[in-house]
Amino acid sequence: MNKHVLLNNTDTSDFKLKEWGGKTFPVATRRRGISQIDRCPFCGHRHTHSRVEGHHNAHCKEKPGFKASIVIDNITLYQSDGYFVEDY
């Protein structure tokens, strides 16, 4: 069970994790063919990315509620490392 970390009245309990290149990243999801993610794991906002799935930088440095790090499954994840985008 994920540890719940509140960000803009949103929790991180529904975010999956993905290992890549020796690091662990949160996964941000989006509908296939849509460039906006459903919700950023760091700030809770919708960011726009290319339509390519995979690793992306988080675009939330100046957004209200921004958190430099979050904790999911007792793993500290850093905004500066970005996240994975996966389509559904």
N, C-alpha and C. Protein backbone atom coordinates (compact mmCIF):
# COMPACT_ATOMS: atom_id res chain seq x y z
N MET A 1 0.85 -1.18 0.00
CA MET A 1 0.00 0.00 0.00
C MET A 1 0.89 1.24 0.00
N ASN A 2 0.56 2.19 -0.84
CA ASN A 2 1.34 3.43 -0.93
C ASN A 2 1.12 4.31 0.29
N LYS A 3 2.13 5.04 0.65
CA LYS A 3 1.98 6.06 1.69
C LYS A 3 1.28 7.26 1.06
N HIS A 4 0.31 7.80 1.73
CA HIS A 4 -0.45 8.93 1.20
C HIS A 4 0.26 10.24 1.54
N VAL A 5 0.65 10.98 0.52
CA VAL A 5 1.27 12.28 0.70
C VAL A 5 0.36 13.30 0.03
N LEU A 6 -0.15 14.25 0.79
CA LEU A 6 -1.10 15.20 0.25
C LEU A 6 -0.40 16.30 -0.55
N LEU A 7 -0.86 16.52 -1.77
CA LEU A 7 -0.38 17.57 -2.64
C LEU A 7 -1.61 18.25 -3.22
N ASN A 8 -1.83 19.50 -2.91
CA ASN A 8 -3.02 20.20 -3.41
C ASN A 8 -4.29 19.41 -3.14
N ASN A 9 -4.41 18.89 -1.92
CA ASN A 9 -5.57 18.08 -1.53
C ASN A 9 -5.70 16.82 -2.37
N THR A 10 -4.61 16.34 -2.92
CA THR A 10 -4.60 15.12 -3.72
C THR A 10 -3.57 14.20 -3.09
N ASP A 11 -3.83 12.90 -3.10
CA ASP A 11 -2.83 11.99 -2.54
C ASP A 11 -2.15 11.21 -3.66
N THR A 12 -1.07 10.54 -3.31
CA THR A 12 -0.28 9.80 -4.29
C THR A 12 -0.57 8.31 -4.25
N SER A 13 -1.62 7.89 -3.58
CA SER A 13 -1.88 6.46 -3.37
C SER A 13 -2.17 5.70 -4.66
N ASP A 14 -2.58 6.38 -5.72
CA ASP A 14 -2.91 5.66 -6.95
C ASP A 14 -1.80 5.70 -7.99
N PHE A 15 -0.64 6.22 -7.65
CA PHE A 15 0.47 6.25 -8.59
C PHE A 15 1.28 4.96 -8.53
N LYS A 16 1.57 4.40 -9.71
CA LYS A 16 2.44 3.24 -9.81
C LYS A 16 3.89 3.72 -9.85
N LEU A 17 4.80 2.78 -9.68
CA LEU A 17 6.23 3.07 -9.79
C LEU A 17 6.81 2.28 -10.94
N LYS A 18 7.87 2.84 -11.54
CA LYS A 18 8.56 2.16 -12.63
C LYS A 18 10.06 2.29 -12.42
N GLU A 19 10.78 1.18 -12.61
CA GLU A 19 12.24 1.19 -12.51
C GLU A 19 12.82 1.32 -13.90
N TRP A 20 13.81 2.19 -14.03
CA TRP A 20 14.46 2.41 -15.32
C TRP A 20 15.84 2.99 -15.07
N GLY A 21 16.86 2.42 -15.68
CA GLY A 21 18.22 2.94 -15.54
C GLY A 21 18.74 2.98 -14.12
N GLY A 22 18.28 2.05 -13.28
CA GLY A 22 18.75 2.00 -11.91
C GLY A 22 18.04 2.95 -10.96
N LYS A 23 17.01 3.65 -11.44
CA LYS A 23 16.24 4.58 -10.59
C LYS A 23 14.76 4.19 -10.61
N THR A 24 14.04 4.66 -9.63
CA THR A 24 12.60 4.44 -9.54
C THR A 24 11.89 5.76 -9.79
N PHE A 25 10.83 5.71 -10.61
CA PHE A 25 10.07 6.91 -10.98
C PHE A 25 8.59 6.68 -10.76
N PRO A 26 7.84 7.75 -10.43
CA PRO A 26 6.38 7.62 -10.44
C PRO A 26 5.90 7.59 -11.88
N VAL A 27 4.73 7.01 -12.10
CA VAL A 27 4.14 6.93 -13.43
C VAL A 27 2.93 7.86 -13.50
N ALA A 28 2.97 8.79 -14.46
CA ALA A 28 1.83 9.66 -14.73
C ALA A 28 1.11 9.08 -15.95
N THR A 29 -0.20 8.95 -15.87
CA THR A 29 -0.96 8.34 -16.95
C THR A 29 -1.71 9.39 -17.77
N ARG A 30 -2.09 8.99 -18.98
CA ARG A 30 -2.90 9.83 -19.85
C ARG A 30 -3.62 8.93 -20.85
N ARG A 31 -4.70 9.44 -21.41
CA ARG A 31 -5.42 8.70 -22.44
C ARG A 31 -4.60 8.69 -23.72
N ARG A 32 -4.60 7.57 -24.41
CA ARG A 32 -3.87 7.44 -25.67
C ARG A 32 -4.30 8.53 -26.64
N GLY A 33 -3.34 9.19 -27.26
CA GLY A 33 -3.63 10.25 -28.22
C GLY A 33 -3.76 11.63 -27.61
N ILE A 34 -3.72 11.72 -26.28
CA ILE A 34 -3.83 13.00 -25.57
C ILE A 34 -2.44 13.35 -25.04
N SER A 35 -2.04 14.60 -25.19
CA SER A 35 -0.69 14.97 -24.73
C SER A 35 -0.64 15.38 -23.27
N GLN A 36 -1.79 15.70 -22.65
CA GLN A 36 -1.80 16.10 -21.23
C GLN A 36 -1.91 14.87 -20.34
N ILE A 37 -1.07 14.85 -19.28
CA ILE A 37 -1.19 13.77 -18.30
C ILE A 37 -2.43 14.02 -17.44
N ASP A 38 -2.94 12.95 -16.83
CA ASP A 38 -4.12 13.07 -15.98
C ASP A 38 -3.82 13.90 -14.74
N ARG A 39 -2.66 13.64 -14.12
CA ARG A 39 -2.31 14.35 -12.89
C ARG A 39 -0.83 14.14 -12.61
N CYS A 40 -0.17 15.22 -12.28
CA CYS A 40 1.25 15.16 -11.94
C CYS A 40 1.40 14.61 -10.52
N PRO A 41 2.31 13.65 -10.32
CA PRO A 41 2.49 13.13 -8.97
C PRO A 41 3.10 14.14 -8.00
N PHE A 42 3.73 15.19 -8.51
CA PHE A 42 4.39 16.16 -7.64
C PHE A 42 3.52 17.36 -7.29
N CYS A 43 2.69 17.83 -8.22
CA CYS A 43 1.89 19.03 -7.92
C CYS A 43 0.39 18.82 -8.13
N GLY A 44 0.01 17.72 -8.75
CA GLY A 44 -1.40 17.44 -8.97
C GLY A 44 -1.99 18.10 -10.20
N HIS A 45 -1.21 18.89 -10.93
CA HIS A 45 -1.71 19.57 -12.12
C HIS A 45 -1.52 18.69 -13.36
N ARG A 46 -2.16 19.12 -14.45
CA ARG A 46 -2.01 18.44 -15.74
C ARG A 46 -0.93 19.16 -16.53
N HIS A 47 0.09 18.44 -16.94
CA HIS A 47 1.16 19.00 -17.77
C HIS A 47 1.07 18.42 -19.17
N THR A 48 1.55 19.16 -20.14
CA THR A 48 1.54 18.71 -21.52
C THR A 48 2.93 18.22 -21.91
N HIS A 49 2.97 17.06 -22.54
CA HIS A 49 4.22 16.46 -23.01
C HIS A 49 4.03 16.01 -24.45
N SER A 50 5.12 15.59 -25.09
CA SER A 50 4.99 15.00 -26.41
C SER A 50 4.12 13.75 -26.28
N ARG A 51 3.68 13.20 -27.40
CA ARG A 51 2.82 12.01 -27.34
C ARG A 51 3.61 10.73 -27.20
N VAL A 52 4.90 10.83 -26.95
CA VAL A 52 5.75 9.66 -26.78
C VAL A 52 5.70 9.22 -25.32
N GLU A 53 5.40 7.93 -25.11
CA GLU A 53 5.45 7.40 -23.75
C GLU A 53 6.91 7.30 -23.31
N GLY A 54 7.13 7.31 -22.01
CA GLY A 54 8.47 7.15 -21.48
C GLY A 54 8.81 8.22 -20.47
N HIS A 55 10.10 8.37 -20.22
CA HIS A 55 10.56 9.32 -19.22
C HIS A 55 10.40 10.76 -19.71
N HIS A 56 9.90 11.62 -18.83
CA HIS A 56 9.74 13.05 -19.12
C HIS A 56 10.12 13.85 -17.89
N ASN A 57 10.56 15.07 -18.10
CA ASN A 57 10.80 16.00 -17.00
C ASN A 57 9.47 16.53 -16.49
N ALA A 58 9.38 16.74 -15.19
CA ALA A 58 8.19 17.34 -14.61
C ALA A 58 8.25 18.85 -14.84
N HIS A 59 7.10 19.45 -15.18
CA HIS A 59 7.05 20.88 -15.50
C HIS A 59 6.36 21.68 -14.41
N CYS A 60 6.64 21.41 -13.16
CA CYS A 60 5.84 22.02 -12.10
C CYS A 60 6.63 22.89 -11.13
N LYS A 61 7.80 23.33 -11.47
CA LYS A 61 8.61 24.11 -10.54
C LYS A 61 7.91 25.35 -10.01
N GLU A 62 7.14 26.02 -10.84
CA GLU A 62 6.54 27.28 -10.43
C GLU A 62 5.04 27.18 -10.18
N LYS A 63 4.52 25.96 -10.10
CA LYS A 63 3.09 25.78 -9.87
C LYS A 63 2.81 25.80 -8.37
N PRO A 64 1.65 26.32 -7.95
CA PRO A 64 1.29 26.28 -6.53
C PRO A 64 1.21 24.84 -6.04
N GLY A 65 1.69 24.60 -4.86
CA GLY A 65 1.62 23.27 -4.28
C GLY A 65 2.78 22.38 -4.67
N PHE A 66 3.73 22.89 -5.42
CA PHE A 66 4.87 22.11 -5.87
C PHE A 66 5.62 21.50 -4.70
N LYS A 67 5.97 20.23 -4.84
CA LYS A 67 6.78 19.53 -3.85
C LYS A 67 8.03 19.02 -4.54
N ALA A 68 9.19 19.29 -3.97
CA ALA A 68 10.45 18.84 -4.55
C ALA A 68 10.59 17.33 -4.48
N SER A 69 9.90 16.71 -3.52
CA SER A 69 9.95 15.25 -3.41
C SER A 69 8.63 14.74 -2.84
N ILE A 70 8.35 13.48 -3.14
CA ILE A 70 7.18 12.79 -2.60
C ILE A 70 7.63 11.42 -2.14
N VAL A 71 6.79 10.75 -1.37
CA VAL A 71 7.10 9.39 -0.91
C VAL A 71 5.98 8.47 -1.35
N ILE A 72 6.35 7.41 -2.09
CA ILE A 72 5.41 6.37 -2.49
C ILE A 72 6.05 5.04 -2.15
N ASP A 73 5.31 4.17 -1.47
CA ASP A 73 5.84 2.86 -1.06
C ASP A 73 7.17 3.00 -0.31
N ASN A 74 7.25 4.01 0.54
CA ASN A 74 8.45 4.27 1.34
C ASN A 74 9.68 4.60 0.51
N ILE A 75 9.49 5.03 -0.73
CA ILE A 75 10.59 5.44 -1.60
C ILE A 75 10.44 6.94 -1.84
N THR A 76 11.50 7.69 -1.59
CA THR A 76 11.48 9.13 -1.86
C THR A 76 11.80 9.36 -3.34
N LEU A 77 10.92 10.09 -4.00
CA LEU A 77 11.04 10.38 -5.43
C LEU A 77 11.20 11.88 -5.60
N TYR A 78 12.10 12.29 -6.47
CA TYR A 78 12.43 13.70 -6.62
C TYR A 78 11.90 14.28 -7.92
N GLN A 79 11.30 15.46 -7.83
CA GLN A 79 10.75 16.14 -9.00
C GLN A 79 11.82 16.36 -10.05
N SER A 80 13.02 16.64 -9.62
CA SER A 80 14.11 16.90 -10.56
C SER A 80 14.45 15.66 -11.41
N ASP A 81 14.05 14.46 -10.96
CA ASP A 81 14.28 13.25 -11.73
C ASP A 81 13.17 12.99 -12.76
N GLY A 82 12.04 13.68 -12.63
CA GLY A 82 10.94 13.52 -13.57
C GLY A 82 10.08 12.30 -13.25
N TYR A 83 9.33 11.84 -14.28
CA TYR A 83 8.43 10.71 -14.13
C TYR A 83 8.24 10.01 -15.46
N PHE A 84 7.61 8.86 -15.44
CA PHE A 84 7.28 8.14 -16.66
C PHE A 84 5.85 8.48 -17.06
N VAL A 85 5.63 8.64 -18.34
CA VAL A 85 4.29 8.84 -18.88
C VAL A 85 3.89 7.56 -19.58
N GLU A 86 2.72 7.03 -19.21
CA GLU A 86 2.18 5.82 -19.84
C GLU A 86 0.76 6.09 -20.30
N ASP A 87 0.45 5.62 -21.50
CA ASP A 87 -0.90 5.75 -22.06
C ASP A 87 -1.78 4.60 -21.58
N TYR A 88 -3.08 4.86 -21.54
CA TYR A 88 -4.06 3.79 -21.26
C TYR A 88 -5.16 3.84 -22.28
